Amino acid sequence: MALKATIYKATVNVADLDRNQFLDASLTLARHPSETQERMMLRLLAWLKYADERLQFTRGLCADDEPEAWLRNDHLGIDLWIELGLPG
């Protein structure tokens, strides 16, 4: 039987004065069985660094053609692609 992803929830408050970005967000992260907690935290930190209402976590490790997170514009183009590589 295959192992299932572990779901983590985080509530974050972002105040980025340089970008004039202020957000209160509730995030849901799915940790793949082969992913370490450290790598999952790197995904969360990457989201916090580039915080935006449209920045979304993707299927990540489950999809070869998707990053860990991306920011898509209104025309479905990709404005930001965040990739961490394979888990160690």
PDB file of N, CA and C in Angstrom:
ATOM      1  N   MET A   1       0.842  -1.179   0.000  1.00  0.00           N
ATOM      2  CA  MET A   1       0.000   0.000   0.000  1.00  0.00           C
ATOM      3  C   MET A   1       0.888   1.244   0.000  1.00  0.00           C
ATOM      4  N   ALA A   2       0.599   2.169  -0.872  1.00  0.00           N
ATOM      5  CA  ALA A   2       1.407   3.386  -1.001  1.00  0.00           C
ATOM      6  C   ALA A   2       1.158   4.335   0.166  1.00  0.00           C
ATOM      7  N   LEU A   3       2.222   5.001   0.576  1.00  0.00           N
ATOM      8  CA  LEU A   3       2.092   6.005   1.626  1.00  0.00           C
ATOM      9  C   LEU A   3       1.429   7.248   1.064  1.00  0.00           C
ATOM     10  N   LYS A   4       0.665   7.928   1.892  1.00  0.00           N
ATOM     11  CA  LYS A   4      -0.035   9.132   1.455  1.00  0.00           C
ATOM     12  C   LYS A   4       0.706  10.367   1.955  1.00  0.00           C
ATOM     13  N   ALA A   5       0.420  11.481   1.324  1.00  0.00           N
ATOM     14  CA  ALA A   5       1.017  12.752   1.728  1.00  0.00           C
ATOM     15  C   ALA A   5       0.478  13.166   3.095  1.00  0.00           C
ATOM     16  N   THR A   6       1.317  13.857   3.860  1.00  0.00           N
ATOM     17  CA  THR A   6       0.913  14.423   5.141  1.00  0.00           C
ATOM     18  C   THR A   6       0.563  15.886   4.905  1.00  0.00           C
ATOM     19  N   ILE A   7      -0.579  16.304   5.413  1.00  0.00           N
ATOM     20  CA  ILE A   7      -1.056  17.667   5.199  1.00  0.00           C
ATOM     21  C   ILE A   7      -0.668  18.536   6.392  1.00  0.00           C
ATOM     22  N   TYR A   8      -0.097  19.694   6.093  1.00  0.00           N
ATOM     23  CA  TYR A   8       0.255  20.688   7.105  1.00  0.00           C
ATOM     24  C   TYR A   8      -0.461  21.986   6.770  1.00  0.00           C
ATOM     25  N   LYS A   9      -0.898  22.689   7.793  1.00  0.00           N
ATOM     26  CA  LYS A   9      -1.549  23.988   7.599  1.00  0.00           C
ATOM     27  C   LYS A   9      -0.747  25.047   8.339  1.00  0.00           C
ATOM     28  N   ALA A  10      -0.652  26.226   7.724  1.00  0.00           N
ATOM     29  CA  ALA A  10       0.086  27.337   8.328  1.00  0.00           C
ATOM     30  C   ALA A  10      -0.707  28.622   8.119  1.00  0.00           C
ATOM     31  N   THR A  11      -0.756  29.429   9.149  1.00  0.00           N
ATOM     32  CA  THR A  11      -1.330  30.765   9.041  1.00  0.00           C
ATOM     33  C   THR A  11      -0.181  31.744   9.151  1.00  0.00           C
ATOM     34  N   VAL A  12      -0.024  32.593   8.145  1.00  0.00           N
ATOM     35  CA  VAL A  12       1.114  33.512   8.107  1.00  0.00           C
ATOM     36  C   VAL A  12       0.633  34.941   7.914  1.00  0.00           C
ATOM     37  N   ASN A  13       1.407  35.861   8.460  1.00  0.00           N
ATOM     38  CA  ASN A  13       1.195  37.291   8.270  1.00  0.00           C
ATOM     39  C   ASN A  13       2.455  37.844   7.638  1.00  0.00           C
ATOM     40  N   VAL A  14       2.322  38.483   6.491  1.00  0.00           N
ATOM     41  CA  VAL A  14       3.472  39.009   5.762  1.00  0.00           C
ATOM     42  C   VAL A  14       3.354  40.526   5.695  1.00  0.00           C
ATOM     43  N   ALA A  15       4.427  41.208   6.075  1.00  0.00           N
ATOM     44  CA  ALA A  15       4.518  42.659   5.933  1.00  0.00           C
ATOM     45  C   ALA A  15       5.842  42.955   5.240  1.00  0.00           C
ATOM     46  N   ASP A  16       5.800  43.101   3.924  1.00  0.00           N
ATOM     47  CA  ASP A  16       6.992  43.376   3.120  1.00  0.00           C
ATOM     48  C   ASP A  16       6.954  44.845   2.710  1.00  0.00           C
ATOM     49  N   LEU A  17       7.693  45.669   3.435  1.00  0.00           N
ATOM     50  CA  LEU A  17       7.673  47.109   3.183  1.00  0.00           C
ATOM     51  C   LEU A  17       8.323  47.473   1.855  1.00  0.00           C
ATOM     52  N   ASP A  18       9.314  46.696   1.410  1.00  0.00           N
ATOM     53  CA  ASP A  18       9.989  46.988   0.143  1.00  0.00           C
ATOM     54  C   ASP A  18       9.041  46.848  -1.050  1.00  0.00           C
ATOM     55  N   ARG A  19       8.169  45.874  -1.000  1.00  0.00           N
ATOM     56  CA  ARG A  19       7.235  45.641  -2.111  1.00  0.00           C
ATOM     57  C   ARG A  19       5.836  46.168  -1.815  1.00  0.00           C
ATOM     58  N   ASN A  20       5.664  46.774  -0.637  1.00  0.00           N
ATOM     59  CA  ASN A  20       4.359  47.270  -0.203  1.00  0.00           C
ATOM     60  C   ASN A  20       3.315  46.144  -0.248  1.00  0.00           C
ATOM     61  N   GLN A  21       3.715  44.986   0.282  1.00  0.00           N
ATOM     62  CA  GLN A  21       2.882  43.781   0.268  1.00  0.00           C
ATOM     63  C   GLN A  21       2.520  43.413   1.706  1.00  0.00           C
ATOM     64  N   PHE A  22       1.233  43.373   2.000  1.00  0.00           N
ATOM     65  CA  PHE A  22       0.755  43.021   3.329  1.00  0.00           C
ATOM     66  C   PHE A  22      -0.314  41.949   3.172  1.00  0.00           C
ATOM     67  N   LEU A  23      -0.049  40.769   3.727  1.00  0.00           N
ATOM     68  CA  LEU A  23      -0.953  39.631   3.541  1.00  0.00           C
ATOM     69  C   LEU A  23      -1.182  38.884   4.842  1.00  0.00           C
ATOM     70  N   ASP A  24      -2.379  38.391   5.000  1.00  0.00           N
ATOM     71  CA  ASP A  24      -2.716  37.381   6.000  1.00  0.00           C
ATOM     72  C   ASP A  24      -3.174  36.179   5.185  1.00  0.00           C
ATOM     73  N   ALA A  25      -2.468  35.066   5.306  1.00  0.00           N
ATOM     74  CA  ALA A  25      -2.779  33.913   4.462  1.00  0.00           C
ATOM     75  C   ALA A  25      -2.840  32.633   5.282  1.00  0.00           C
ATOM     76  N   SER A  26      -3.757  31.764   4.901  1.00  0.00           N
ATOM     77  CA  SER A  26      -3.830  30.407   5.448  1.00  0.00           C
ATOM     78  C   SER A  26      -3.353  29.473   4.345  1.00  0.00           C
ATOM     79  N   LEU A  27      -2.248  28.789   4.589  1.00  0.00           N
ATOM     80  CA  LEU A  27      -1.627  27.936   3.579  1.00  0.00           C
ATOM     81  C   LEU A  27      -1.804  26.468   3.940  1.00  0.00           C
ATOM     82  N   THR A  28      -1.927  25.640   2.923  1.00  0.00           N
ATOM     83  CA  THR A  28      -1.983  24.193   3.096  1.00  0.00           C
ATOM     84  C   THR A  28      -0.858  23.583   2.277  1.00  0.00           C
ATOM     85  N   LEU A  29       0.013  22.825   2.949  1.00  0.00           N
ATOM     86  CA  LEU A  29       1.129  22.163   2.277  1.00  0.00           C
ATOM     87  C   LEU A  29       0.959  20.658   2.411  1.00  0.00           C
ATOM     88  N   ALA A  30       1.169  19.961   1.321  1.00  0.00           N
ATOM     89  CA  ALA A  30       1.153  18.499   1.339  1.00  0.00           C
ATOM     90  C   ALA A  30       2.601  18.023   1.263  1.00  0.00           C
ATOM     91  N   ARG A  31       3.019  17.264   2.273  1.00  0.00           N
ATOM     92  CA  ARG A  31       4.390  16.738   2.299  1.00  0.00           C
ATOM     93  C   ARG A  31       4.395  15.326   1.729  1.00  0.00           C
ATOM     94  N   HIS A  32       5.055  15.179   0.604  1.00  0.00           N
ATOM     95  CA  HIS A  32       5.190  13.887  -0.076  1.00  0.00           C
ATOM     96  C   HIS A  32       5.973  12.939   0.838  1.00  0.00           C
ATOM     97  N   PRO A  33       5.681  11.637   0.836  1.00  0.00           N
ATOM     98  CA  PRO A  33       6.405  10.700   1.706  1.00  0.00           C
ATOM     99  C   PRO A  33       7.924  10.723   1.524  1.00  0.00           C
ATOM    100  N   SER A  34       8.418  11.049   0.327  1.00  0.00           N
ATOM    101  CA  SER A  34       9.871  11.084   0.114  1.00  0.00           C
ATOM    102  C   SER A  34      10.484  12.445   0.445  1.00  0.00           C
ATOM    103  N   GLU A  35       9.668  13.403   0.837  1.00  0.00           N
ATOM    104  CA  GLU A  35      10.155  14.755   1.119  1.00  0.00           C
ATOM    105  C   GLU A  35      10.487  14.898   2.604  1.00  0.00           C
ATOM    106  N   THR A  36      11.613  15.537   2.904  1.00  0.00           N
ATOM    107  CA  THR A  36      11.986  15.778   4.303  1.00  0.00           C
ATOM    108  C   THR A  36      11.227  16.994   4.831  1.00  0.00           C
ATOM    109  N   GLN A  37      11.176  17.098   6.148  1.00  0.00           N
ATOM    110  CA  GLN A  37      10.542  18.269   6.756  1.00  0.00           C
ATOM    111  C   GLN A  37      11.312  19.540   6.409  1.00  0.00           C
ATOM    112  N   GLU A  38      12.640  19.428   6.297  1.00  0.00           N
ATOM    113  CA  GLU A  38      13.457  20.587   5.950  1.00  0.00           C
ATOM    114  C   GLU A  38      13.102  21.116   4.562  1.00  0.00           C
ATOM    115  N   ARG A  39      12.907  20.215   3.615  1.00  0.00           N
ATOM    116  CA  ARG A  39      12.556  20.635   2.258  1.00  0.00           C
ATOM    117  C   ARG A  39      11.166  21.258   2.227  1.00  0.00           C
ATOM    118  N   MET A  40      10.252  20.699   3.003  1.00  0.00           N
ATOM    119  CA  MET A  40       8.918  21.280   3.077  1.00  0.00           C
ATOM    120  C   MET A  40       8.979  22.697   3.652  1.00  0.00           C
ATOM    121  N   MET A  41       9.829  22.889   4.667  1.00  0.00           N
ATOM    122  CA  MET A  41       9.985  24.223   5.250  1.00  0.00           C
ATOM    123  C   MET A  41      10.624  25.181   4.251  1.00  0.00           C
ATOM    124  N   LEU A  42      11.520  24.687   3.388  1.00  0.00           N
ATOM    125  CA  LEU A  42      12.084  25.536   2.334  1.00  0.00           C
ATOM    126  C   LEU A  42      10.995  25.993   1.367  1.00  0.00           C
ATOM    127  N   ARG A  43      10.053  25.123   1.065  1.00  0.00           N
ATOM    128  CA  ARG A  43       8.937  25.527   0.208  1.00  0.00           C
ATOM    129  C   ARG A  43       8.126  26.638   0.865  1.00  0.00           C
ATOM    130  N   LEU A  44       7.891  26.495   2.169  1.00  0.00           N
ATOM    131  CA  LEU A  44       7.155  27.526   2.900  1.00  0.00           C
ATOM    132  C   LEU A  44       7.942  28.840   2.927  1.00  0.00           C
ATOM    133  N   LEU A  45       9.246  28.763   3.185  1.00  0.00           N
ATOM    134  CA  LEU A  45      10.079  29.974   3.189  1.00  0.00           C
ATOM    135  C   LEU A  45      10.115  30.642   1.817  1.00  0.00           C
ATOM    136  N   ALA A  46      10.155  29.853   0.757  1.00  0.00           N
ATOM    137  CA  ALA A  46      10.126  30.421  -0.597  1.00  0.00           C
ATOM    138  C   ALA A  46       8.807  31.150  -0.828  1.00  0.00           C
ATOM    139  N   TRP A  47       7.716  30.573  -0.360  1.00  0.00           N
ATOM    140  CA  TRP A  47       6.424  31.242  -0.506  1.00  0.00           C
ATOM    141  C   TRP A  47       6.436  32.563   0.261  1.00  0.00           C
ATOM    142  N   LEU A  48       6.992  32.549   1.460  1.00  0.00           N
ATOM    143  CA  LEU A  48       7.038  33.773   2.265  1.00  0.00           C
ATOM    144  C   LEU A  48       7.902  34.847   1.612  1.00  0.00           C
ATOM    145  N   LYS A  49       9.019  34.453   1.000  1.00  0.00           N
ATOM    146  CA  LYS A  49       9.902  35.433   0.357  1.00  0.00           C
ATOM    147  C   LYS A  49       9.212  36.140  -0.797  1.00  0.00           C
ATOM    148  N   TYR A  50       8.438  35.409  -1.580  1.00  0.00           N
ATOM    149  CA  TYR A  50       7.777  35.966  -2.759  1.00  0.00           C
ATOM    150  C   TYR A  50       6.269  36.112  -2.550  1.00  0.00           C
ATOM    151  N   ALA A  51       5.845  36.249  -1.310  1.00  0.00           N
ATOM    152  CA  ALA A  51       4.424  36.244  -0.948  1.00  0.00           C
ATOM    153  C   ALA A  51       3.571  37.102  -1.879  1.00  0.00           C
ATOM    154  N   ASP A  52       2.519  36.488  -2.350  1.00  0.00           N
ATOM    155  CA  ASP A  52       1.560  37.152  -3.225  1.00  0.00           C
ATOM    156  C   ASP A  52       0.263  36.356  -3.145  1.00  0.00           C
ATOM    157  N   GLU A  53      -0.865  37.033  -3.278  1.00  0.00           N
ATOM    158  CA  GLU A  53      -2.154  36.344  -3.198  1.00  0.00           C
ATOM    159  C   GLU A  53      -2.313  35.284  -4.280  1.00  0.00           C
ATOM    160  N   ARG A  54      -1.638  35.449  -5.409  1.00  0.00           N
ATOM    161  CA  ARG A  54      -1.766  34.512  -6.533  1.00  0.00           C
ATOM    162  C   ARG A  54      -0.694  33.425  -6.542  1.00  0.00           C
ATOM    163  N   LEU A  55       0.271  33.490  -5.626  1.00  0.00           N
ATOM    164  CA  LEU A  55       1.330  32.475  -5.564  1.00  0.00           C
ATOM    165  C   LEU A  55       0.741  31.185  -5.000  1.00  0.00           C
ATOM    166  N   GLN A  56       0.865  30.099  -5.756  1.00  0.00           N
ATOM    167  CA  GLN A  56       0.242  28.831  -5.377  1.00  0.00           C
ATOM    168  C   GLN A  56       1.258  27.698  -5.338  1.00  0.00           C
ATOM    169  N   PHE A  57       1.067  26.801  -4.371  1.00  0.00           N
ATOM    170  CA  PHE A  57       1.815  25.553  -4.370  1.00  0.00           C
ATOM    171  C   PHE A  57       1.218  24.665  -5.457  1.00  0.00           C
ATOM    172  N   THR A  58       2.069  23.851  -6.081  1.00  0.00           N
ATOM    173  CA  THR A  58       1.602  22.953  -7.137  1.00  0.00           C
ATOM    174  C   THR A  58       1.728  21.507  -6.653  1.00  0.00           C
ATOM    175  N   ARG A  59       1.597  20.576  -7.575  1.00  0.00           N
ATOM    176  CA  ARG A  59       1.759  19.157  -7.228  1.00  0.00           C
ATOM    177  C   ARG A  59       3.220  18.810  -6.981  1.00  0.00           C
ATOM    178  N   GLY A  60       4.142  19.699  -7.377  1.00  0.00           N
ATOM    179  CA  GLY A  60       5.564  19.554  -7.071  1.00  0.00           C
ATOM    180  C   GLY A  60       6.176  18.225  -7.449  1.00  0.00           C
ATOM    181  N   LEU A  61       6.518  17.410  -6.457  1.00  0.00           N
ATOM    182  CA  LEU A  61       7.199  16.132  -6.690  1.00  0.00           C
ATOM    183  C   LEU A  61       6.363  15.154  -7.504  1.00  0.00           C
ATOM    184  N   CYS A  62       5.059  15.313  -7.492  1.00  0.00           N
ATOM    185  CA  CYS A  62       4.181  14.390  -8.220  1.00  0.00           C
ATOM    186  C   CYS A  62       4.091  14.714  -9.704  1.00  0.00           C
ATOM    187  N   ALA A  63       4.577  15.881 -10.104  1.00  0.00           N
ATOM    188  CA  ALA A  63       4.495  16.292 -11.513  1.00  0.00           C
ATOM    189  C   ALA A  63       5.859  16.793 -11.978  1.00  0.00           C
ATOM    190  N   ASP A  64       6.374  16.194 -13.048  1.00  0.00           N
ATOM    191  CA  ASP A  64       7.693  16.573 -13.561  1.00  0.00           C
ATOM    192  C   ASP A  64       7.694  17.935 -14.237  1.00  0.00           C
ATOM    193  N   ASP A  65       6.552  18.365 -14.738  1.00  0.00           N
ATOM    194  CA  ASP A  65       6.495  19.604 -15.509  1.00  0.00           C
ATOM    195  C   ASP A  65       5.985  20.800 -14.704  1.00  0.00           C
ATOM    196  N   GLU A  66       5.950  20.672 -13.370  1.00  0.00           N
ATOM    197  CA  GLU A  66       5.501  21.770 -12.517  1.00  0.00           C
ATOM    198  C   GLU A  66       6.548  22.060 -11.453  1.00  0.00           C
ATOM    199  N   PRO A  67       6.663  23.325 -11.040  1.00  0.00           N
ATOM    200  CA  PRO A  67       7.587  23.673  -9.959  1.00  0.00           C
ATOM    201  C   PRO A  67       6.933  23.391  -8.603  1.00  0.00           C
ATOM    202  N   GLU A  68       7.616  23.766  -7.529  1.00  0.00           N
ATOM    203  CA  GLU A  68       7.018  23.648  -6.194  1.00  0.00           C
ATOM    204  C   GLU A  68       5.934  24.705  -5.996  1.00  0.00           C
ATOM    205  N   ALA A  69       6.140  25.880  -6.575  1.00  0.00           N
ATOM    206  CA  ALA A  69       5.149  26.962  -6.493  1.00  0.00           C
ATOM    207  C   ALA A  69       5.286  27.835  -7.730  1.00  0.00           C
ATOM    208  N   TRP A  70       4.189  28.457  -8.114  1.00  0.00           N
ATOM    209  CA  TRP A  70       4.247  29.392  -9.225  1.00  0.00           C
ATOM    210  C   TRP A  70       3.233  30.498  -9.038  1.00  0.00           C
ATOM    211  N   LEU A  71       3.522  31.599  -9.722  1.00  0.00           N
ATOM    212  CA  LEU A  71       2.632  32.744  -9.726  1.00  0.00           C
ATOM    213  C   LEU A  71       2.166  32.927 -11.164  1.00  0.00           C
ATOM    214  N   ARG A  72       0.885  32.728 -11.370  1.00  0.00           N
ATOM    215  CA  ARG A  72       0.328  32.832 -12.723  1.00  0.00           C
ATOM    216  C   ARG A  72      -0.405  34.156 -12.855  1.00  0.00           C
ATOM    217  N   ASN A  73      -0.293  34.764 -14.033  1.00  0.00           N
ATOM    218  CA  ASN A  73      -0.968  36.036 -14.266  1.00  0.00           C
ATOM    219  C   ASN A  73      -2.390  35.798 -14.778  1.00  0.00           C
ATOM    220  N   ASP A  74      -3.087  36.888 -15.081  1.00  0.00           N
ATOM    221  CA  ASP A  74      -4.486  36.793 -15.512  1.00  0.00           C
ATOM    222  C   ASP A  74      -4.655  36.116 -16.866  1.00  0.00           C
ATOM    223  N   HIS A  75      -3.587  36.045 -17.644  1.00  0.00           N
ATOM    224  CA  HIS A  75      -3.636  35.419 -18.966  1.00  0.00           C
ATOM    225  C   HIS A  75      -3.120  33.978 -18.929  1.00  0.00           C
ATOM    226  N   LEU A  76      -2.998  33.418 -17.720  1.00  0.00           N
ATOM    227  CA  LEU A  76      -2.515  32.061 -17.459  1.00  0.00           C
ATOM    228  C   LEU A  76      -1.043  31.869 -17.811  1.00  0.00           C
ATOM    229  N   GLY A  77      -0.340  32.965 -18.019  1.00  0.00           N
ATOM    230  CA  GLY A  77       1.109  32.894 -18.177  1.00  0.00           C
ATOM    231  C   GLY A  77       1.755  32.771 -16.802  1.00  0.00           C
ATOM    232  N   ILE A  78       3.007  32.375 -16.773  1.00  0.00           N
ATOM    233  CA  ILE A  78       3.713  32.187 -15.505  1.00  0.00           C
ATOM    234  C   ILE A  78       4.644  33.370 -15.281  1.00  0.00           C
ATOM    235  N   ASP A  79       4.423  34.098 -14.180  1.00  0.00           N
ATOM    236  CA  ASP A  79       5.266  35.240 -13.833  1.00  0.00           C
ATOM    237  C   ASP A  79       6.421  34.847 -12.917  1.00  0.00           C
ATOM    238  N   LEU A  80       6.241  33.785 -12.132  1.00  0.00           N
ATOM    239  CA  LEU A  80       7.280  33.340 -11.199  1.00  0.00           C
ATOM    240  C   LEU A  80       7.227  31.823 -11.097  1.00  0.00           C
ATOM    241  N   TRP A  81       8.402  31.188 -11.188  1.00  0.00           N
ATOM    242  CA  TRP A  81       8.537  29.728 -11.139  1.00  0.00           C
ATOM    243  C   TRP A  81       9.533  29.424 -10.033  1.00  0.00           C
ATOM    244  N   ILE A  82       9.102  28.737  -8.972  1.00  0.00           N
ATOM    245  CA  ILE A  82       9.976  28.408  -7.837  1.00  0.00           C
ATOM    246  C   ILE A  82      10.190  26.900  -7.819  1.00  0.00           C
ATOM    247  N   GLU A  83      11.447  26.503  -7.984  1.00  0.00           N
ATOM    248  CA  GLU A  83      11.787  25.082  -8.011  1.00  0.00           C
ATOM    249  C   GLU A  83      12.947  24.832  -7.052  1.00  0.00           C
ATOM    250  N   LEU A  84      12.872  23.738  -6.293  1.00  0.00           N
ATOM    251  CA  LEU A  84      13.903  23.414  -5.305  1.00  0.00           C
ATOM    252  C   LEU A  84      14.762  22.224  -5.697  1.00  0.00           C
ATOM    253  N   GLY A  85      14.378  21.470  -6.691  1.00  0.00           N
ATOM    254  CA  GLY A  85      15.117  20.265  -7.048  1.00  0.00           C
ATOM    255  C   GLY A  85      14.552  19.051  -6.336  1.00  0.00           C
ATOM    256  N   LEU A  86      15.235  17.926  -6.475  1.00  0.00           N
ATOM    257  CA  LEU A  86      14.761  16.673  -5.898  1.00  0.00           C
ATOM    258  C   LEU A  86      15.144  16.566  -4.431  1.00  0.00           C
ATOM    259  N   PRO A  87      14.324  15.867  -3.625  1.00  0.00           N
ATOM    260  CA  PRO A  87      14.674  15.690  -2.213  1.00  0.00           C
ATOM    261  C   PRO A  87      15.920  14.831  -2.068  1.00  0.00           C
ATOM    262  N   GLY A  88      16.685  15.098  -1.010  1.00  0.00           N
ATOM    263  CA  GLY A  88      17.939  14.379  -0.788  1.00  0.00           C
ATOM    264  C   GLY A  88      17.809  13.139   0.010  1.00  0.00           C
TER     265      GLY A  88
END
